[in-house]
């Protein structure tokens, strides 16, 4: 049985692409560092937000798998975007990318606007917390 339980109260607006609350019991906690669209050589790949989002999410999940987890183990994810309006405009495509790469078990999430990320060419960075059984 998964240690993660997603809660979406009917009193709140419908959760689309995230969960309003996530509880986790037992297990091992994995703190995932912020990931951008860096390739194995340390170069940012992709010029559009969706391209970079797919790579950054893939990098986050690679780190999670190396720790013994899977996308369903994500309890919390924070997305840092250099252009929140661009993020909102691309939200449907970003949702399709999420479902293709991570599935439909959504963690509690937040999107935060950032003036600049560590890598100047990076448009998005994603970090997270997972709870493994």
Protein backbone atom coordinates (compact mmCIF):
# COMPACT_ATOMS: atom_id res chain seq x y z
CA UNK A 1 0.00 0.00 0.00
CA UNK A 2 1.31 3.44 -0.93
CA UNK A 3 2.29 5.72 1.95
CA UNK A 4 0.90 8.67 -0.06
CA UNK A 5 -2.75 9.74 -0.03
CA UNK A 6 -4.06 12.61 -2.13
CA UNK A 7 -6.85 14.79 -0.74
CA UNK A 8 -9.01 17.13 -2.82
CA UNK A 9 -11.88 18.55 -0.73
CA UNK A 10 -15.05 19.34 -2.66
CA UNK A 11 -15.20 22.72 -0.86
CA UNK A 12 -12.13 23.89 -2.85
CA UNK A 13 -11.85 24.61 -6.54
CA UNK A 14 -11.32 21.48 -8.64
CA UNK A 15 -7.71 20.32 -8.59
CA UNK A 16 -6.40 20.11 -12.13
CA UNK A 17 -2.84 18.85 -12.45
CA UNK A 18 -2.15 18.96 -8.72
CA UNK A 19 -3.57 17.79 -5.39
CA UNK A 20 -4.73 20.22 -2.70
CA UNK A 21 -3.21 18.12 0.08
CA UNK A 22 -1.06 15.01 0.32
CA UNK A 23 -0.52 12.93 3.43
CA UNK A 24 2.36 10.52 3.83
CA UNK A 25 2.87 7.89 6.49
CA UNK A 26 5.90 5.73 7.23
CA UNK A 27 8.44 5.16 4.55
CA UNK A 28 11.58 7.03 3.63
CA UNK A 29 11.62 10.70 2.63
CA UNK A 30 13.57 11.74 -0.46
CA UNK A 31 14.38 15.43 -0.96
CA UNK A 32 14.96 16.11 -4.65
CA UNK A 33 17.20 18.99 -5.67
CA UNK A 34 15.99 21.51 -8.20
CA UNK A 35 16.41 20.25 -11.75
CA UNK A 36 16.57 22.35 -14.89
CA UNK A 37 16.87 21.29 -18.51
CA UNK A 38 20.56 20.37 -18.19
CA UNK A 39 21.84 17.46 -20.26
CA UNK A 40 24.62 15.08 -19.16
CA UNK A 41 27.22 17.64 -20.25
CA UNK A 42 25.78 20.46 -18.16
CA UNK A 43 24.24 22.30 -21.11
CA UNK A 44 20.68 23.65 -21.10
CA UNK A 45 18.68 21.94 -23.85
CA UNK A 46 15.50 23.27 -25.42
CA UNK A 47 14.52 26.85 -26.12
CA UNK A 48 10.80 26.75 -25.29
CA UNK A 49 9.24 26.31 -21.88
CA UNK A 50 7.58 23.00 -22.80
CA UNK A 51 10.87 21.58 -24.11
CA UNK A 52 12.73 22.63 -20.98
CA UNK A 53 9.90 21.47 -18.70
CA UNK A 54 10.01 17.97 -20.20
CA UNK A 55 13.76 17.72 -19.66
CA UNK A 56 13.66 19.20 -16.15
CA UNK A 57 10.85 16.82 -15.12
CA UNK A 58 12.72 13.90 -16.67
CA UNK A 59 15.83 14.88 -14.70
CA UNK A 60 13.82 15.08 -11.46
CA UNK A 61 12.35 11.62 -12.09
CA UNK A 62 15.78 10.20 -12.95
CA UNK A 63 17.04 11.36 -9.54
CA UNK A 64 13.92 9.92 -7.88
CA UNK A 65 14.35 6.55 -9.61
CA UNK A 66 18.02 6.47 -8.56
CA UNK A 67 16.77 6.84 -4.96
CA UNK A 68 14.41 3.89 -5.47
CA UNK A 69 11.21 5.82 -6.15
CA UNK A 70 8.66 6.37 -8.89
CA UNK A 71 6.51 9.34 -9.94
CA UNK A 72 3.62 8.09 -7.77
CA UNK A 73 5.87 8.61 -4.71
CA UNK A 74 6.03 12.39 -5.23
CA UNK A 75 4.30 14.16 -2.35
CA UNK A 76 5.33 17.76 -3.12
CA UNK A 77 6.71 19.53 -6.20
CA UNK A 78 7.65 23.18 -6.64
CA UNK A 79 8.06 24.64 -10.11
CA UNK A 80 10.08 27.84 -10.50
CA UNK A 81 9.35 29.66 -13.76
CA UNK A 82 11.04 32.76 -15.12
CA UNK A 83 7.80 33.75 -16.87
CA UNK A 84 4.61 32.75 -15.06
CA UNK A 85 2.43 34.14 -17.86
CA UNK A 86 4.23 31.86 -20.33
CA UNK A 87 3.76 28.95 -17.89
CA UNK A 88 0.01 29.65 -17.70
CA UNK A 89 -0.24 29.99 -21.48
CA UNK A 90 1.47 26.61 -21.91
CA UNK A 91 -0.37 24.89 -19.02
CA UNK A 92 -2.36 22.48 -21.23
CA UNK A 93 0.80 21.28 -22.99
CA UNK A 94 2.72 21.11 -19.70
CA UNK A 95 -0.10 18.97 -18.30
CA UNK A 96 0.18 16.59 -21.26
CA UNK A 97 3.95 16.38 -20.72
CA UNK A 98 3.43 15.66 -17.00
CA UNK A 99 0.91 12.88 -17.71
CA UNK A 100 3.15 11.33 -20.38
CA UNK A 101 6.25 11.33 -18.17
CA UNK A 102 4.87 11.11 -14.61
CA UNK A 103 1.32 9.77 -14.91
CA UNK A 104 -1.83 10.99 -13.18
CA UNK A 105 -0.82 10.74 -9.51
CA UNK A 106 -0.43 14.46 -8.83
CA UNK A 107 1.53 15.77 -5.85
CA UNK A 108 0.77 18.95 -3.96
CA UNK A 109 2.29 21.62 -6.21
CA UNK A 110 3.15 25.29 -6.43
CA UNK A 111 4.43 27.43 -9.29
CA UNK A 112 6.63 30.34 -8.23
CA UNK A 113 7.86 33.15 -10.45
CA UNK A 114 11.63 33.64 -10.39
CA UNK A 115 13.52 36.56 -11.88
CA UNK A 116 16.37 34.24 -12.90
CA UNK A 117 17.50 30.68 -12.30
CA UNK A 118 21.03 29.38 -11.67
CA UNK A 119 21.61 28.67 -15.37
CA UNK A 120 20.85 31.88 -17.21
CA UNK A 121 19.23 30.06 -20.17
CA UNK A 122 16.95 28.01 -17.90
CA UNK A 123 13.26 28.90 -18.08
CA UNK A 124 12.06 26.42 -15.46
CA UNK A 125 13.36 24.50 -12.44
CA UNK A 126 11.54 21.72 -10.59
CA UNK A 127 12.26 20.33 -7.12
CA UNK A 128 10.34 17.88 -5.01
CA UNK A 129 9.81 15.70 -1.98
CA UNK A 130 8.92 12.03 -2.31
CA UNK A 131 7.93 9.43 0.27
CA UNK A 132 8.95 5.87 -0.52
CA UNK A 133 7.12 2.86 0.95
